[in-house]
Amino acid sequence: MAQTTPNHTQNVSGWAAHDPSGKVTPYTFKRRENGVNDVTIEILYCGICHTDLHHVKNDWGKTMYPVVPGHEITGIITKVGDNVSNFKVGDRAGVGGLAASCLNCEYCKDGQENCCDQLQFTCNGIFWDGSITYGGYSKLLVADHRYVVRIPESLPMDAAAPLLCAGIGAFSPLKDNNLLEEPGKRIAIVGLGGVGHVAVKFAKAFGHHVTVISTSPSKEKEAKERLGADDFIISTNSEQMQSKRRTLDFILVTVPAQHSLGPTLELLKVNGTLVIVGAPNKPIDLPSFPLIFGKRVVKGSLIGGIKELQEMMDMCGKHNITCEIELVTTNKINEALGRLEKNDVRYRFVIDIADRSSNP
């Protein structure tokens, strides 16, 4: 399963939070040397995910400080190990949330490393050699090549970065529920943020009627005119919600905040499916009656495995699907995190890691 224990001798400049205040500051740490199964990536861009906020503030009670966030990483390969044949120096590479898994269980063998019991993440995980994983808020990453994907030449590296988490977070549940092969369904996306706006793009590309459900009336024009949504519902408007009762085949909930699923479930047809990808730090209210009387299904979804991640990337390259981003320099990371906490971004912040004018 594991490669020979490497030496952690490379000094790498990055940005880390050191306590639950969540403030990110320059931080120099050590990474392992490039091993036989590794590639070394010069990081160009890293997306800022809502999970980064949870990590830096220890919202889930699992943060190992100091924490270097970031799992939406794009860059250029500068070294390859002796056992690596699928990448070469100069390749455009991407790394998402997965850093390691057992490689031997039924899920790993089936390309579902994301379901492995021994899954470890790119940030705030424990790698095979026992070291804590540091993420993409840094200049350089050493990654096992089995958890790296190729970025299509047609995609800009900055706008492609959030696809590695937000993108696969939207793509995987659509694929799992046969929505890539069966067009013409009535789909709703709850929340028009980092994951939600990509989900709208995917669902339209796959030929579905798409409704956006949001608490923000101001997002209706952009949802329809810029992203191509067919309909828009204000979730706090009971008349609008009631008028759409039992009209939807599938709902994807991307909101990472505590809320009740009851009113949203009522929008599903009988035997409809609701999938949760937003991860609030408090339990979601799930009334039983909308489930029982509608024979509805509620399920969760995580990021996909590496094979699926590459499939999504290739599909995005073919259809020219990217994320809507706001690029920030490294000295603006804390400002961006603060704005993200207030949902003040359209629709994903991406850090320009390679900006040589910033410190460190």
Protein backbone atom coordinates (compact mmCIF):
# COMPACT_ATOMS: atom_id res chain seq x y z
CA MET A 1 0.00 0.00 0.00
CA ALA A 2 2.61 2.55 1.06
CA GLN A 3 5.82 3.61 -0.58
CA THR A 4 9.15 3.71 1.26
CA THR A 5 9.05 6.30 4.03
CA PRO A 6 10.42 9.50 2.45
CA ASN A 7 12.52 12.20 4.03
CA HIS A 8 10.73 15.45 4.84
CA THR A 9 13.56 17.77 3.95
CA GLN A 10 12.06 20.27 1.48
CA ASN A 11 11.35 23.70 2.92
CA VAL A 12 8.12 25.01 1.40
CA SER A 13 6.54 28.44 1.77
CA GLY A 14 2.83 28.52 2.41
CA TRP A 15 0.01 29.99 4.48
CA ALA A 16 -1.44 28.41 7.62
CA ALA A 17 -3.91 28.98 10.43
CA HIS A 18 -2.50 28.28 13.90
CA ASP A 19 -5.59 28.50 16.12
CA PRO A 20 -9.41 28.68 15.93
CA SER A 21 -9.31 32.41 15.22
CA GLY A 22 -8.89 31.23 11.65
CA LYS A 23 -6.35 33.89 10.75
CA VAL A 24 -4.03 32.64 8.01
CA THR A 25 -0.40 33.82 8.06
CA PRO A 26 2.78 32.98 6.11
CA TYR A 27 4.23 29.68 7.23
CA THR A 28 7.31 27.70 6.21
CA PHE A 29 7.09 23.93 6.62
CA LYS A 30 8.65 20.73 5.29
CA ARG A 31 7.39 18.40 2.59
CA ARG A 32 8.78 15.01 1.63
CA GLU A 33 11.18 14.60 -1.25
CA ASN A 34 9.70 13.25 -4.47
CA GLY A 35 9.30 9.46 -4.02
CA VAL A 36 9.12 6.73 -6.64
CA ASN A 37 5.31 7.03 -6.91
CA ASP A 38 5.19 10.80 -6.57
CA VAL A 39 4.99 13.87 -8.72
CA THR A 40 6.08 17.29 -7.54
CA ILE A 41 3.79 20.13 -8.58
CA GLU A 42 4.61 23.82 -8.70
CA ILE A 43 1.28 25.24 -7.52
CA LEU A 44 -0.10 28.05 -9.65
CA TYR A 45 -3.63 28.36 -8.29
CA CYS A 46 -5.70 27.07 -5.39
CA GLY A 47 -9.42 27.53 -4.91
CA ILE A 48 -10.90 28.57 -1.57
CA CYS A 49 -13.59 26.10 -0.52
CA HIS A 50 -16.10 26.51 2.32
CA THR A 51 -14.40 23.48 3.89
CA ASP A 52 -11.30 25.65 4.30
CA LEU A 53 -13.31 27.88 6.62
CA HIS A 54 -14.34 24.88 8.72
CA HIS A 55 -10.73 23.73 8.91
CA VAL A 56 -9.15 27.04 9.91
CA LYS A 57 -11.79 27.69 12.58
CA ASN A 58 -11.94 24.07 13.80
CA ASP A 59 -15.70 24.01 13.26
CA TRP A 60 -15.68 20.21 13.05
CA GLY A 61 -13.37 19.73 16.05
CA LYS A 62 -10.81 17.84 13.95
CA THR A 63 -8.29 20.48 12.91
CA MET A 64 -4.62 19.67 13.54
CA TYR A 65 -2.88 23.04 13.85
CA PRO A 66 -1.02 24.48 12.12
CA VAL A 67 -3.31 23.76 9.17
CA VAL A 68 -2.39 24.65 5.59
CA PRO A 69 -5.76 24.62 3.78
CA GLY A 70 -6.53 24.03 0.13
CA HIS A 71 -7.67 21.10 -1.99
CA GLU A 72 -8.50 22.71 -5.35
CA ILE A 73 -4.98 22.78 -6.73
CA THR A 74 -3.68 23.34 -10.24
CA GLY A 75 -0.07 23.60 -11.30
CA ILE A 76 2.79 22.28 -13.39
CA ILE A 77 4.64 19.04 -12.74
CA THR A 78 8.35 19.62 -12.10
CA LYS A 79 9.46 16.10 -11.02
CA VAL A 80 8.22 12.55 -11.55
CA GLY A 81 9.12 9.40 -9.64
CA ASP A 82 10.64 6.28 -11.19
CA ASN A 83 7.34 4.38 -11.06
CA VAL A 84 5.34 7.17 -12.73
CA SER A 85 4.55 6.68 -16.41
CA ASN A 86 1.31 8.60 -16.85
CA PHE A 87 2.79 12.06 -16.19
CA LYS A 88 5.90 13.91 -17.31
CA VAL A 89 7.66 17.13 -16.38
CA GLY A 90 5.74 20.09 -17.76
CA ASP A 91 2.28 18.49 -17.62
CA ARG A 92 -0.70 20.51 -16.37
CA ALA A 93 -1.88 18.76 -13.22
CA GLY A 94 -4.66 19.01 -10.69
CA VAL A 95 -5.10 17.67 -7.16
CA GLY A 96 -8.43 17.60 -5.36
CA GLY A 97 -9.43 16.42 -1.91
CA LEU A 98 -7.91 12.93 -1.98
CA ALA A 99 -4.31 12.33 -0.85
CA ALA A 100 -4.29 8.62 0.04
CA SER A 101 -6.44 5.51 0.51
CA CYS A 102 -5.74 1.83 1.14
CA LEU A 103 -5.64 0.96 -2.61
CA ASN A 104 -6.74 -2.60 -1.78
CA CYS A 105 -10.40 -2.50 -0.69
CA GLU A 106 -13.37 -3.08 -2.99
CA TYR A 107 -13.93 0.66 -3.29
CA CYS A 108 -10.36 1.53 -4.21
CA LYS A 109 -10.28 -1.27 -6.78
CA ASP A 110 -13.55 0.02 -8.24
CA GLY A 111 -12.30 3.58 -8.63
CA GLN A 112 -14.20 4.83 -5.58
CA GLU A 113 -11.27 5.81 -3.40
CA ASN A 114 -13.51 8.49 -1.90
CA CYS A 115 -15.45 5.71 -0.11
CA CYS A 116 -12.41 3.94 1.36
CA ASP A 117 -12.39 3.60 5.16
CA GLN A 118 -8.73 4.67 5.15
CA LEU A 119 -9.26 7.73 2.98
CA GLN A 120 -7.01 10.65 3.83
CA PHE A 121 -7.48 14.17 2.56
CA THR A 122 -5.07 16.59 0.90
CA CYS A 123 -5.41 18.94 3.84
CA ASN A 124 -5.53 18.05 7.55
CA GLY A 125 -5.16 14.31 6.95
CA ILE A 126 -2.58 11.68 7.89
CA PHE A 127 -0.49 10.40 4.99
CA TRP A 128 0.88 6.84 4.69
CA ASP A 129 4.17 7.86 6.33
CA GLY A 130 2.37 9.27 9.38
CA SER A 131 2.84 12.93 8.48
CA ILE A 132 0.04 15.50 8.53
CA THR A 133 -1.00 16.57 5.05
CA TYR A 134 -0.61 20.22 4.14
CA GLY A 135 -2.82 21.61 1.39
CA GLY A 136 -2.61 23.92 -1.58
CA TYR A 137 -2.14 27.26 0.15
CA SER A 138 1.53 26.73 -0.61
CA LYS A 139 4.09 27.03 -3.38
CA LEU A 140 4.74 23.35 -3.93
CA LEU A 141 2.99 20.00 -3.49
CA VAL A 142 4.30 16.43 -3.55
CA ALA A 143 1.49 14.03 -4.40
CA ASP A 144 1.19 10.32 -5.18
CA HIS A 145 0.51 10.17 -8.92
CA ARG A 146 -2.52 7.92 -8.38
CA TYR A 147 -4.36 10.90 -6.85
CA VAL A 148 -3.45 13.42 -9.56
CA VAL A 149 -5.45 14.31 -12.68
CA ARG A 150 -4.57 15.99 -15.94
CA ILE A 151 -6.00 19.46 -16.70
CA PRO A 152 -7.17 19.71 -20.34
CA GLU A 153 -5.29 22.24 -22.43
CA SER A 154 -8.53 24.03 -23.28
CA LEU A 155 -9.22 25.00 -19.66
CA PRO A 156 -7.63 28.02 -17.96
CA MET A 157 -5.74 26.87 -14.89
CA ASP A 158 -7.30 29.43 -12.55
CA ALA A 159 -10.97 28.83 -13.44
CA ALA A 160 -10.36 25.07 -13.54
CA ALA A 161 -9.06 24.90 -9.96
CA PRO A 162 -12.46 24.86 -8.19
CA LEU A 163 -13.62 22.04 -10.46
CA LEU A 164 -11.40 19.76 -8.36
CA CYS A 165 -13.85 20.04 -5.45
CA ALA A 166 -16.86 22.21 -6.32
CA GLY A 167 -17.00 20.68 -9.78
CA ILE A 168 -16.76 17.04 -8.76
CA GLY A 169 -19.11 17.75 -5.85
CA ALA A 170 -21.76 18.68 -8.41
CA PHE A 171 -20.85 16.15 -11.10
CA SER A 172 -20.73 13.02 -8.94
CA PRO A 173 -24.35 13.07 -7.65
CA LEU A 174 -25.65 13.84 -11.14
CA LYS A 175 -23.77 10.86 -12.52
CA ASP A 176 -24.75 8.58 -9.62
CA ASN A 177 -28.42 9.30 -10.29
CA ASN A 178 -28.21 8.61 -14.04
CA LEU A 179 -28.68 12.24 -14.96
CA LEU A 180 -25.82 12.24 -17.45
CA GLU A 181 -27.55 9.69 -19.69
CA GLU A 182 -31.24 10.60 -19.19
CA PRO A 183 -31.94 14.20 -20.32
CA GLY A 184 -35.21 16.03 -19.86
CA LYS A 185 -35.55 15.74 -16.08
CA ARG A 186 -36.71 18.58 -13.86
CA ILE A 187 -33.82 19.34 -11.53
CA ALA A 188 -33.41 21.91 -8.76
CA ILE A 189 -30.20 23.25 -7.30
CA VAL A 190 -30.52 24.63 -3.76
CA GLY A 191 -27.95 27.37 -3.21
CA LEU A 192 -26.15 29.31 -5.91
CA GLY A 193 -22.63 29.31 -4.56
CA GLY A 194 -19.39 27.58 -5.51
CA VAL A 195 -20.92 24.13 -6.00
CA GLY A 196 -24.38 25.33 -7.00
CA HIS A 197 -23.36 27.46 -9.96
CA VAL A 198 -21.30 24.63 -11.45
CA ALA A 199 -24.20 22.23 -10.88
CA VAL A 200 -26.43 24.52 -12.95
CA LYS A 201 -23.89 24.48 -15.77
CA PHE A 202 -23.60 20.69 -15.68
CA ALA A 203 -27.35 20.10 -15.51
CA LYS A 204 -27.95 22.38 -18.50
CA ALA A 205 -25.14 20.71 -20.45
CA PHE A 206 -26.81 17.34 -19.81
CA GLY A 207 -30.14 18.60 -21.18
CA HIS A 208 -32.28 19.12 -18.08
CA HIS A 209 -34.84 21.74 -17.01
CA VAL A 210 -33.06 23.52 -14.15
CA THR A 211 -34.56 25.46 -11.25
CA VAL A 212 -32.44 27.41 -8.78
CA ILE A 213 -33.74 27.63 -5.20
CA SER A 214 -32.24 30.46 -3.16
CA THR A 215 -32.90 32.81 -0.28
CA SER A 216 -31.51 35.69 -2.36
CA PRO A 217 -33.90 37.31 -4.88
CA SER A 218 -30.96 39.27 -6.25
CA LYS A 219 -29.52 36.08 -7.74
CA GLU A 220 -32.46 35.39 -10.06
CA LYS A 221 -31.27 37.49 -12.99
CA GLU A 222 -27.78 36.03 -12.93
CA ALA A 223 -29.08 32.47 -12.48
CA LYS A 224 -31.22 32.77 -15.58
CA GLU A 225 -29.27 35.12 -17.83
CA ARG A 226 -25.68 34.17 -17.03
CA LEU A 227 -25.94 30.53 -16.00
CA GLY A 228 -28.94 29.49 -18.09
CA ALA A 229 -31.35 28.38 -15.35
CA ASP A 230 -34.93 27.92 -16.50
CA ASP A 231 -36.69 28.83 -13.27
CA PHE A 232 -35.99 30.44 -9.90
CA ILE A 233 -37.68 29.94 -6.53
CA ILE A 234 -37.18 32.06 -3.43
CA SER A 235 -37.14 29.49 -0.66
CA THR A 236 -38.58 31.89 1.93
CA ASN A 237 -41.60 32.63 -0.28
CA SER A 238 -44.21 30.08 0.80
CA GLU A 239 -46.48 30.81 -2.17
CA GLN A 240 -43.70 30.13 -4.66
CA MET A 241 -42.70 26.95 -2.84
CA GLN A 242 -46.29 25.71 -2.68
CA SER A 243 -46.87 26.41 -6.38
CA LYS A 244 -43.98 24.07 -7.30
CA ARG A 245 -45.10 21.22 -5.03
CA ARG A 246 -44.46 17.75 -6.54
CA THR A 247 -42.91 19.11 -9.74
CA LEU A 248 -39.27 18.02 -9.47
CA ASP A 249 -37.49 14.75 -10.19
CA PHE A 250 -34.23 15.55 -8.41
CA ILE A 251 -32.89 18.16 -5.98
CA LEU A 252 -29.25 18.86 -5.16
CA VAL A 253 -28.71 20.71 -1.87
CA THR A 254 -25.41 22.61 -1.84
CA VAL A 255 -26.07 24.92 1.12
CA PRO A 256 -23.51 24.42 3.94
CA ALA A 257 -25.80 25.89 6.60
CA GLN A 258 -28.27 24.40 9.05
CA HIS A 259 -31.82 24.34 7.68
CA SER A 260 -34.93 22.18 7.40
CA LEU A 261 -35.33 19.87 4.41
CA GLY A 262 -39.10 19.60 4.91
CA PRO A 263 -40.30 22.38 2.57
CA THR A 264 -37.75 21.40 -0.07
CA LEU A 265 -38.76 17.74 0.02
CA GLU A 266 -42.34 18.72 -0.77
CA LEU A 267 -41.13 19.97 -4.17
CA LEU A 268 -40.18 16.45 -5.23
CA LYS A 269 -42.45 14.20 -7.20
CA VAL A 270 -43.37 10.83 -5.72
CA ASN A 271 -40.19 8.67 -5.70
CA GLY A 272 -38.05 11.76 -6.23
CA THR A 273 -34.50 12.04 -4.88
CA LEU A 274 -32.78 14.73 -2.83
CA VAL A 275 -28.99 14.65 -2.50
CA ILE A 276 -27.04 16.61 0.12
CA VAL A 277 -23.52 17.83 -0.66
CA GLY A 278 -23.44 20.90 1.61
CA ALA A 279 -21.95 20.03 5.00
CA PRO A 280 -23.21 22.27 7.83
CA ASN A 281 -21.59 21.90 11.23
CA LYS A 282 -24.98 21.32 12.89
CA PRO A 283 -27.64 18.67 12.14
CA ILE A 284 -30.16 19.25 9.35
CA ASP A 285 -33.86 18.98 10.19
CA LEU A 286 -35.41 16.06 8.29
CA PRO A 287 -39.18 15.67 8.87
CA SER A 288 -40.50 12.16 8.32
CA PHE A 289 -43.90 12.90 6.73
CA PRO A 290 -42.59 14.35 3.42
CA LEU A 291 -40.43 11.22 3.11
CA ILE A 292 -43.15 8.72 3.95
CA PHE A 293 -46.01 10.21 1.96
CA GLY A 294 -43.91 10.93 -1.09
CA LYS A 295 -41.83 7.73 -1.08
CA ARG A 296 -38.87 10.08 -1.45
CA VAL A 297 -35.18 9.36 -1.05
CA VAL A 298 -32.64 11.51 0.80
CA LYS A 299 -28.98 10.64 0.38
CA GLY A 300 -25.56 12.20 0.66
CA SER A 301 -22.73 12.53 -1.83
CA LEU A 302 -19.01 13.09 -1.50
CA ILE A 303 -16.40 14.03 -4.07
CA GLY A 304 -15.83 11.28 -6.63
CA GLY A 305 -12.90 8.95 -7.09
CA ILE A 306 -9.90 9.79 -9.25
CA LYS A 307 -11.24 8.09 -12.39
CA GLU A 308 -14.47 10.05 -12.08
CA LEU A 309 -12.54 13.25 -11.38
CA GLN A 310 -10.60 12.81 -14.63
CA GLU A 311 -13.83 12.00 -16.48
CA MET A 312 -15.34 15.26 -15.22
CA MET A 313 -12.26 17.24 -16.18
CA ASP A 314 -12.29 15.81 -19.70
CA MET A 315 -15.99 16.57 -20.01
CA CYS A 316 -15.39 20.15 -18.88
CA GLY A 317 -12.64 20.46 -21.46
CA LYS A 318 -14.97 19.18 -24.18
CA HIS A 319 -17.85 21.50 -23.25
CA ASN A 320 -15.72 24.44 -22.06
CA ILE A 321 -17.20 24.39 -18.57
CA THR A 322 -15.29 26.32 -15.92
CA CYS A 323 -16.06 28.02 -12.62
CA GLU A 324 -16.94 31.68 -12.25
CA ILE A 325 -14.10 32.97 -10.10
CA GLU A 326 -12.65 35.98 -8.36
CA LEU A 327 -8.85 35.82 -8.37
CA VAL A 328 -7.08 37.02 -5.21
CA THR A 329 -3.43 37.45 -4.29
CA THR A 330 -1.94 35.64 -1.32
CA ASN A 331 -1.98 38.75 0.87
CA LYS A 332 -5.78 38.84 0.47
CA ILE A 333 -6.46 35.29 1.73
CA ASN A 334 -7.94 36.41 5.07
CA GLU A 335 -10.09 39.01 3.37
CA ALA A 336 -11.38 36.37 0.96
CA LEU A 337 -12.13 33.92 3.80
CA GLY A 338 -14.04 36.64 5.61
CA ARG A 339 -16.08 37.46 2.54
CA LEU A 340 -16.73 33.77 1.88
CA GLU A 341 -18.12 33.44 5.39
CA LYS A 342 -20.63 36.16 4.44
CA ASN A 343 -21.33 34.51 1.05
CA ASP A 344 -19.86 37.58 -0.62
CA VAL A 345 -18.35 35.95 -3.70
CA ARG A 346 -19.49 35.13 -7.24
CA TYR A 347 -18.85 32.23 -7.11
CA ARG A 348 -15.46 30.96 -6.01
CA PHE A 349 -12.31 32.65 -4.78
CA VAL A 350 -9.09 31.36 -6.33
CA ILE A 351 -5.68 32.24 -4.90
CA ASP A 352 -2.99 33.25 -7.37
CA ILE A 353 -0.29 31.26 -5.57
CA ALA A 354 2.39 32.00 -8.19
CA ASP A 355 2.10 35.77 -7.71
CA ARG A 356 5.72 36.66 -7.08
CA SER A 357 4.86 40.08 -5.61
CA SER A 358 3.29 38.50 -2.51
CA ASN A 359 4.92 37.20 0.63
CA PRO A 360 6.36 34.87 1.58
